[in-house]
Amino acid sequence: MTDVENPKLNPLRSAPNLLTLLRICLAPILVAAILEARFKLGFILFLVAGLTDALDGILARVLHQRTVLGQYLDPVADKLLLSTLFLVLLHEGLMPMRVTVLVFGRDVCILLVSAILYAAAGRREFQPSLFGKANTAAQVTAVAVVLLHQLIQDPWVATLRAVALWATMVLTVVSGLHYAWIAARRSTAQPAPPRAK
């Protein structure tokens, strides 16, 4: 259900959008916790942020409160939180440079391609692909495990951290190439000719 389908619904008062706004508000607190080396608090706050991300989608479907604002706000909140954390963890020497560069490079490229498609063809829709969703899941896991590694130094955590970081790099490249392929198809797609009557 969208704003058009339910004009009486105030998008700023819908439960899913309030949870998304809460996730955005958690970002500076999370950054402060990491910069102050309060990794336990940072890990807990990151889990809370992840919970709000899961709940807002569920509530939007269950309460029929899907809004146009929510469709744009949710991915913005995800990118804001994850991109900020990758930068802060890199600054603290906890996130490898190559991982952060790949993540940021991919996101910048997608933003540029989206802007070009909008300017050239008026296309605003750029739905996340399966690879894109898998990449986001890998990024979330990587950040969570990097924070967890500051609390638990067991070998299994170190192994999980390495796997999560490699998965993030691989999926970042694969999803980036997939988005480029989709963009190329859209840019060369021609409107279907009218059928003869």
C-alpha atoms as a PDB file:
ATOM      1  CA  MET A   1       0.000   0.000   0.000  1.00  0.00           C
ATOM      2  CA  THR A   2       1.374   3.416  -0.962  1.00  0.00           C
ATOM      3  CA  ASP A   3       0.594   6.990  -0.012  1.00  0.00           C
ATOM      4  CA  VAL A   4      -1.618   7.258  -3.086  1.00  0.00           C
ATOM      5  CA  GLU A   5      -3.596   4.188  -2.064  1.00  0.00           C
ATOM      6  CA  ASN A   6      -4.019   5.493   1.479  1.00  0.00           C
ATOM      7  CA  PRO A   7      -4.031   9.314   1.350  1.00  0.00           C
ATOM      8  CA  LYS A   8      -5.044   9.625   5.026  1.00  0.00           C
ATOM      9  CA  LEU A   9      -1.839   7.925   6.193  1.00  0.00           C
ATOM     10  CA  ASN A  10       0.772  10.415   7.394  1.00  0.00           C
ATOM     11  CA  PRO A  11       4.085   8.826   6.321  1.00  0.00           C
ATOM     12  CA  LEU A  12       5.946  10.518   9.177  1.00  0.00           C
ATOM     13  CA  ARG A  13       3.654   8.865  11.727  1.00  0.00           C
ATOM     14  CA  SER A  14       3.637   5.340  10.324  1.00  0.00           C
ATOM     15  CA  ALA A  15       5.310   2.763  12.570  1.00  0.00           C
ATOM     16  CA  PRO A  16       7.722   1.450   9.902  1.00  0.00           C
ATOM     17  CA  ASN A  17       8.986   4.924   9.027  1.00  0.00           C
ATOM     18  CA  LEU A  18       9.398   5.818  12.709  1.00  0.00           C
ATOM     19  CA  LEU A  19      11.590   2.732  13.133  1.00  0.00           C
ATOM     20  CA  THR A  20      13.627   3.770  10.099  1.00  0.00           C
ATOM     21  CA  LEU A  21      14.082   7.262  11.563  1.00  0.00           C
ATOM     22  CA  LEU A  22      15.162   5.649  14.828  1.00  0.00           C
ATOM     23  CA  ARG A  23      17.816   3.723  12.900  1.00  0.00           C
ATOM     24  CA  ILE A  24      19.101   6.974  11.421  1.00  0.00           C
ATOM     25  CA  CYS A  25      19.218   8.550  14.888  1.00  0.00           C
ATOM     26  CA  LEU A  26      21.209   5.593  16.217  1.00  0.00           C
ATOM     27  CA  ALA A  27      24.031   6.234  13.721  1.00  0.00           C
ATOM     28  CA  PRO A  28      25.785   9.111  15.575  1.00  0.00           C
ATOM     29  CA  ILE A  29      25.446   7.317  18.927  1.00  0.00           C
ATOM     30  CA  LEU A  30      26.972   4.191  17.409  1.00  0.00           C
ATOM     31  CA  VAL A  31      29.828   6.222  15.925  1.00  0.00           C
ATOM     32  CA  ALA A  32      30.523   7.854  19.289  1.00  0.00           C
ATOM     33  CA  ALA A  33      30.555   4.470  21.027  1.00  0.00           C
ATOM     34  CA  ILE A  34      33.115   3.084  18.567  1.00  0.00           C
ATOM     35  CA  LEU A  35      35.323   6.187  18.725  1.00  0.00           C
ATOM     36  CA  GLU A  36      35.310   5.898  22.509  1.00  0.00           C
ATOM     37  CA  ALA A  37      36.210   2.188  22.247  1.00  0.00           C
ATOM     38  CA  ARG A  38      32.942   1.203  23.928  1.00  0.00           C
ATOM     39  CA  PHE A  39      32.577  -1.816  21.675  1.00  0.00           C
ATOM     40  CA  LYS A  40      30.056  -3.657  23.820  1.00  0.00           C
ATOM     41  CA  LEU A  41      27.669  -0.716  23.610  1.00  0.00           C
ATOM     42  CA  GLY A  42      28.420  -0.355  19.910  1.00  0.00           C
ATOM     43  CA  PHE A  43      27.671  -4.020  19.262  1.00  0.00           C
ATOM     44  CA  ILE A  44      24.373  -3.837  21.162  1.00  0.00           C
ATOM     45  CA  LEU A  45      23.310  -0.659  19.351  1.00  0.00           C
ATOM     46  CA  PHE A  46      24.159  -2.228  16.008  1.00  0.00           C
ATOM     47  CA  LEU A  47      21.983  -5.241  16.861  1.00  0.00           C
ATOM     48  CA  VAL A  48      19.152  -2.851  17.787  1.00  0.00           C
ATOM     49  CA  ALA A  49      19.595  -1.044  14.469  1.00  0.00           C
ATOM     50  CA  GLY A  50      19.454  -4.375  12.642  1.00  0.00           C
ATOM     51  CA  LEU A  51      16.286  -5.287  14.545  1.00  0.00           C
ATOM     52  CA  THR A  52      14.593  -2.035  13.484  1.00  0.00           C
ATOM     53  CA  ASP A  53      15.573  -2.792   9.882  1.00  0.00           C
ATOM     54  CA  ALA A  54      13.869  -6.178  10.061  1.00  0.00           C
ATOM     55  CA  LEU A  55      10.807  -4.894  11.911  1.00  0.00           C
ATOM     56  CA  ASP A  56      10.044  -1.929   9.673  1.00  0.00           C
ATOM     57  CA  GLY A  57       9.549  -4.182   6.656  1.00  0.00           C
ATOM     58  CA  ILE A  58       7.406  -6.634   8.620  1.00  0.00           C
ATOM     59  CA  LEU A  59       5.243  -3.855  10.089  1.00  0.00           C
ATOM     60  CA  ALA A  60       4.827  -2.193   6.692  1.00  0.00           C
ATOM     61  CA  ARG A  61       3.307  -5.411   5.349  1.00  0.00           C
ATOM     62  CA  VAL A  62       1.300  -6.427   8.426  1.00  0.00           C
ATOM     63  CA  LEU A  63      -0.122  -2.948   9.147  1.00  0.00           C
ATOM     64  CA  HIS A  64      -0.512  -2.066   5.436  1.00  0.00           C
ATOM     65  CA  GLN A  65       1.599   1.038   5.998  1.00  0.00           C
ATOM     66  CA  ARG A  66       3.847   0.917   2.952  1.00  0.00           C
ATOM     67  CA  THR A  67       4.604   4.477   1.853  1.00  0.00           C
ATOM     68  CA  VAL A  68       6.560   6.132  -0.922  1.00  0.00           C
ATOM     69  CA  LEU A  69       8.633   7.887   1.741  1.00  0.00           C
ATOM     70  CA  GLY A  70       9.447   4.533   3.327  1.00  0.00           C
ATOM     71  CA  GLN A  71      10.567   3.076  -0.003  1.00  0.00           C
ATOM     72  CA  TYR A  72      13.179   5.813  -0.300  1.00  0.00           C
ATOM     73  CA  LEU A  73      13.968   6.283   3.402  1.00  0.00           C
ATOM     74  CA  ASP A  74      14.746   2.644   4.224  1.00  0.00           C
ATOM     75  CA  PRO A  75      17.658   2.140   1.789  1.00  0.00           C
ATOM     76  CA  VAL A  76      18.985   5.613   2.630  1.00  0.00           C
ATOM     77  CA  ALA A  77      19.011   4.693   6.332  1.00  0.00           C
ATOM     78  CA  ASP A  78      20.802   1.412   5.573  1.00  0.00           C
ATOM     79  CA  LYS A  79      23.472   3.076   3.437  1.00  0.00           C
ATOM     80  CA  LEU A  80      23.944   5.925   5.904  1.00  0.00           C
ATOM     81  CA  LEU A  81      24.456   3.553   8.806  1.00  0.00           C
ATOM     82  CA  LEU A  82      26.681   1.049   7.014  1.00  0.00           C
ATOM     83  CA  SER A  83      28.790   3.587   5.117  1.00  0.00           C
ATOM     84  CA  THR A  84      29.382   5.605   8.281  1.00  0.00           C
ATOM     85  CA  LEU A  85      30.391   2.499  10.221  1.00  0.00           C
ATOM     86  CA  PHE A  86      32.770   1.304   7.504  1.00  0.00           C
ATOM     87  CA  LEU A  87      34.486   4.708   7.581  1.00  0.00           C
ATOM     88  CA  VAL A  88      34.674   4.864  11.373  1.00  0.00           C
ATOM     89  CA  LEU A  89      35.975   1.301  11.648  1.00  0.00           C
ATOM     90  CA  LEU A  90      38.556   2.080   8.960  1.00  0.00           C
ATOM     91  CA  HIS A  91      39.590   5.175  10.915  1.00  0.00           C
ATOM     92  CA  GLU A  92      40.024   3.030  14.015  1.00  0.00           C
ATOM     93  CA  GLY A  93      42.108   0.483  12.104  1.00  0.00           C
ATOM     94  CA  LEU A  94      39.475  -2.229  12.479  1.00  0.00           C
ATOM     95  CA  MET A  95      38.250  -2.415   8.873  1.00  0.00           C
ATOM     96  CA  PRO A  96      40.627  -3.179   5.971  1.00  0.00           C
ATOM     97  CA  MET A  97      41.135  -0.340   3.491  1.00  0.00           C
ATOM     98  CA  ARG A  98      40.384  -2.541   0.458  1.00  0.00           C
ATOM     99  CA  VAL A  99      36.984  -3.549   1.822  1.00  0.00           C
ATOM    100  CA  THR A 100      35.956   0.035   2.565  1.00  0.00           C
ATOM    101  CA  VAL A 101      37.149   1.293  -0.831  1.00  0.00           C
ATOM    102  CA  LEU A 102      35.215  -1.423  -2.660  1.00  0.00           C
ATOM    103  CA  VAL A 103      32.037  -0.766  -0.672  1.00  0.00           C
ATOM    104  CA  PHE A 104      32.198   2.993  -1.202  1.00  0.00           C
ATOM    105  CA  GLY A 105      33.224   2.683  -4.843  1.00  0.00           C
ATOM    106  CA  ARG A 106      30.266   0.448  -5.629  1.00  0.00           C
ATOM    107  CA  ASP A 107      27.770   2.712  -3.859  1.00  0.00           C
ATOM    108  CA  VAL A 108      29.090   5.844  -5.571  1.00  0.00           C
ATOM    109  CA  CYS A 109      28.889   4.130  -8.974  1.00  0.00           C
ATOM    110  CA  ILE A 110      25.295   3.020  -8.333  1.00  0.00           C
ATOM    111  CA  LEU A 111      24.317   6.566  -7.314  1.00  0.00           C
ATOM    112  CA  LEU A 112      25.911   7.994 -10.455  1.00  0.00           C
ATOM    113  CA  VAL A 113      24.228   5.434 -12.716  1.00  0.00           C
ATOM    114  CA  SER A 114      20.859   6.058 -11.046  1.00  0.00           C
ATOM    115  CA  ALA A 115      21.272   9.806 -11.559  1.00  0.00           C
ATOM    116  CA  ILE A 116      22.207   9.296 -15.225  1.00  0.00           C
ATOM    117  CA  LEU A 117      19.230   6.989 -15.834  1.00  0.00           C
ATOM    118  CA  TYR A 118      16.917   9.513 -14.201  1.00  0.00           C
ATOM    119  CA  ALA A 119      18.352  12.416 -16.222  1.00  0.00           C
ATOM    120  CA  ALA A 120      18.327  10.496 -19.499  1.00  0.00           C
ATOM    121  CA  ALA A 121      15.124   8.503 -19.268  1.00  0.00           C
ATOM    122  CA  GLY A 122      13.287   9.744 -16.210  1.00  0.00           C
ATOM    123  CA  ARG A 123      13.701   6.375 -14.517  1.00  0.00           C
ATOM    124  CA  ARG A 124      13.471   6.607 -10.743  1.00  0.00           C
ATOM    125  CA  GLU A 125      13.031   2.926  -9.972  1.00  0.00           C
ATOM    126  CA  PHE A 126      16.237   0.988  -9.364  1.00  0.00           C
ATOM    127  CA  GLN A 127      15.142  -2.000  -7.351  1.00  0.00           C
ATOM    128  CA  PRO A 128      17.778  -3.914  -5.372  1.00  0.00           C
ATOM    129  CA  SER A 129      18.755  -7.199  -6.963  1.00  0.00           C
ATOM    130  CA  LEU A 130      19.262 -10.518  -5.211  1.00  0.00           C
ATOM    131  CA  PHE A 131      23.011  -9.885  -5.354  1.00  0.00           C
ATOM    132  CA  GLY A 132      22.501  -6.432  -3.873  1.00  0.00           C
ATOM    133  CA  LYS A 133      20.496  -7.824  -0.973  1.00  0.00           C
ATOM    134  CA  ALA A 134      23.123 -10.513  -0.393  1.00  0.00           C
ATOM    135  CA  ASN A 135      25.811  -7.838  -0.415  1.00  0.00           C
ATOM    136  CA  THR A 136      23.944  -5.774   2.173  1.00  0.00           C
ATOM    137  CA  ALA A 137      23.582  -8.868   4.366  1.00  0.00           C
ATOM    138  CA  ALA A 138      27.325  -9.538   4.020  1.00  0.00           C
ATOM    139  CA  GLN A 139      28.140  -5.939   4.970  1.00  0.00           C
ATOM    140  CA  VAL A 140      25.904  -6.118   8.040  1.00  0.00           C
ATOM    141  CA  THR A 141      27.518  -9.405   9.063  1.00  0.00           C
ATOM    142  CA  ALA A 142      31.015  -7.990   8.493  1.00  0.00           C
ATOM    143  CA  VAL A 143      30.392  -4.944  10.687  1.00  0.00           C
ATOM    144  CA  ALA A 144      28.768  -7.066  13.403  1.00  0.00           C
ATOM    145  CA  VAL A 145      31.633  -9.585  13.452  1.00  0.00           C
ATOM    146  CA  VAL A 146      34.300  -6.852  13.425  1.00  0.00           C
ATOM    147  CA  LEU A 147      32.646  -5.351  16.517  1.00  0.00           C
ATOM    148  CA  LEU A 148      32.231  -8.777  18.100  1.00  0.00           C
ATOM    149  CA  HIS A 149      35.922  -9.488  17.524  1.00  0.00           C
ATOM    150  CA  GLN A 150      36.734  -6.579  19.827  1.00  0.00           C
ATOM    151  CA  LEU A 151      34.790  -8.326  22.586  1.00  0.00           C
ATOM    152  CA  ILE A 152      35.675 -11.970  21.943  1.00  0.00           C
ATOM    153  CA  GLN A 153      39.145 -12.935  20.747  1.00  0.00           C
ATOM    154  CA  ASP A 154      38.341 -16.617  20.149  1.00  0.00           C
ATOM    155  CA  PRO A 155      39.677 -18.185  16.922  1.00  0.00           C
ATOM    156  CA  TRP A 156      36.184 -18.908  15.596  1.00  0.00           C
ATOM    157  CA  VAL A 157      35.343 -15.203  15.735  1.00  0.00           C
ATOM    158  CA  ALA A 158      38.543 -14.328  13.859  1.00  0.00           C
ATOM    159  CA  THR A 159      37.691 -16.945  11.227  1.00  0.00           C
ATOM    160  CA  LEU A 160      34.130 -15.674  10.905  1.00  0.00           C
ATOM    161  CA  ARG A 161      35.480 -12.129  10.559  1.00  0.00           C
ATOM    162  CA  ALA A 162      37.779 -13.159   7.710  1.00  0.00           C
ATOM    163  CA  VAL A 163      34.988 -15.024   5.924  1.00  0.00           C
ATOM    164  CA  ALA A 164      32.562 -12.106   6.305  1.00  0.00           C
ATOM    165  CA  LEU A 165      35.084  -9.612   4.936  1.00  0.00           C
ATOM    166  CA  TRP A 166      35.914 -11.805   1.934  1.00  0.00           C
ATOM    167  CA  ALA A 167      32.208 -12.392   1.278  1.00  0.00           C
ATOM    168  CA  THR A 168      31.629  -8.638   1.407  1.00  0.00           C
ATOM    169  CA  MET A 169      34.368  -7.978  -1.150  1.00  0.00           C
ATOM    170  CA  VAL A 170      33.208 -10.713  -3.538  1.00  0.00           C
ATOM    171  CA  LEU A 171      29.532  -9.746  -3.340  1.00  0.00           C
ATOM    172  CA  THR A 172      30.384  -6.051  -3.671  1.00  0.00           C
ATOM    173  CA  VAL A 173      32.120  -6.726  -6.984  1.00  0.00           C
ATOM    174  CA  VAL A 174      29.466  -9.183  -8.234  1.00  0.00           C
ATOM    175  CA  SER A 175      26.511  -6.980  -7.299  1.00  0.00           C
ATOM    176  CA  GLY A 176      28.250  -3.928  -8.758  1.00  0.00           C
ATOM    177  CA  LEU A 177      28.770  -5.706 -12.078  1.00  0.00           C
ATOM    178  CA  HIS A 178      25.180  -6.940 -12.007  1.00  0.00           C
ATOM    179  CA  TYR A 179      23.842  -3.417 -11.474  1.00  0.00           C
ATOM    180  CA  ALA A 180      26.073  -2.204 -14.330  1.00  0.00           C
ATOM    181  CA  TRP A 181      24.601  -4.918 -16.578  1.00  0.00           C
ATOM    182  CA  ILE A 182      21.052  -3.912 -15.614  1.00  0.00           C
ATOM    183  CA  ALA A 183      21.836  -0.242 -16.248  1.00  0.00           C
ATOM    184  CA  ALA A 184      23.335  -1.066 -19.657  1.00  0.00           C
ATOM    185  CA  ARG A 185      20.213  -3.031 -20.630  1.00  0.00           C
ATOM    186  CA  ARG A 186      17.927  -0.206 -19.537  1.00  0.00           C
ATOM    187  CA  SER A 187      19.945   2.449 -21.347  1.00  0.00           C
ATOM    188  CA  THR A 188      19.830   0.519 -24.629  1.00  0.00           C
ATOM    189  CA  ALA A 189      16.231  -0.706 -24.292  1.00  0.00           C
ATOM    190  CA  GLN A 190      13.962   0.688 -26.979  1.00  0.00           C
ATOM    191  CA  PRO A 191      10.214   1.121 -26.559  1.00  0.00           C
ATOM    192  CA  ALA A 192       8.205  -1.635 -28.205  1.00  0.00           C
ATOM    193  CA  PRO A 193       6.781  -0.632 -31.606  1.00  0.00           C
ATOM    194  CA  PRO A 194       3.013  -0.188 -31.750  1.00  0.00           C
ATOM    195  CA  ARG A 195       1.101  -3.224 -32.927  1.00  0.00           C
ATOM    196  CA  ALA A 196      -0.590  -3.091 -36.308  1.00  0.00           C
ATOM    197  CA  LYS A 197      -4.349  -2.877 -36.095  1.00  0.00           C
END
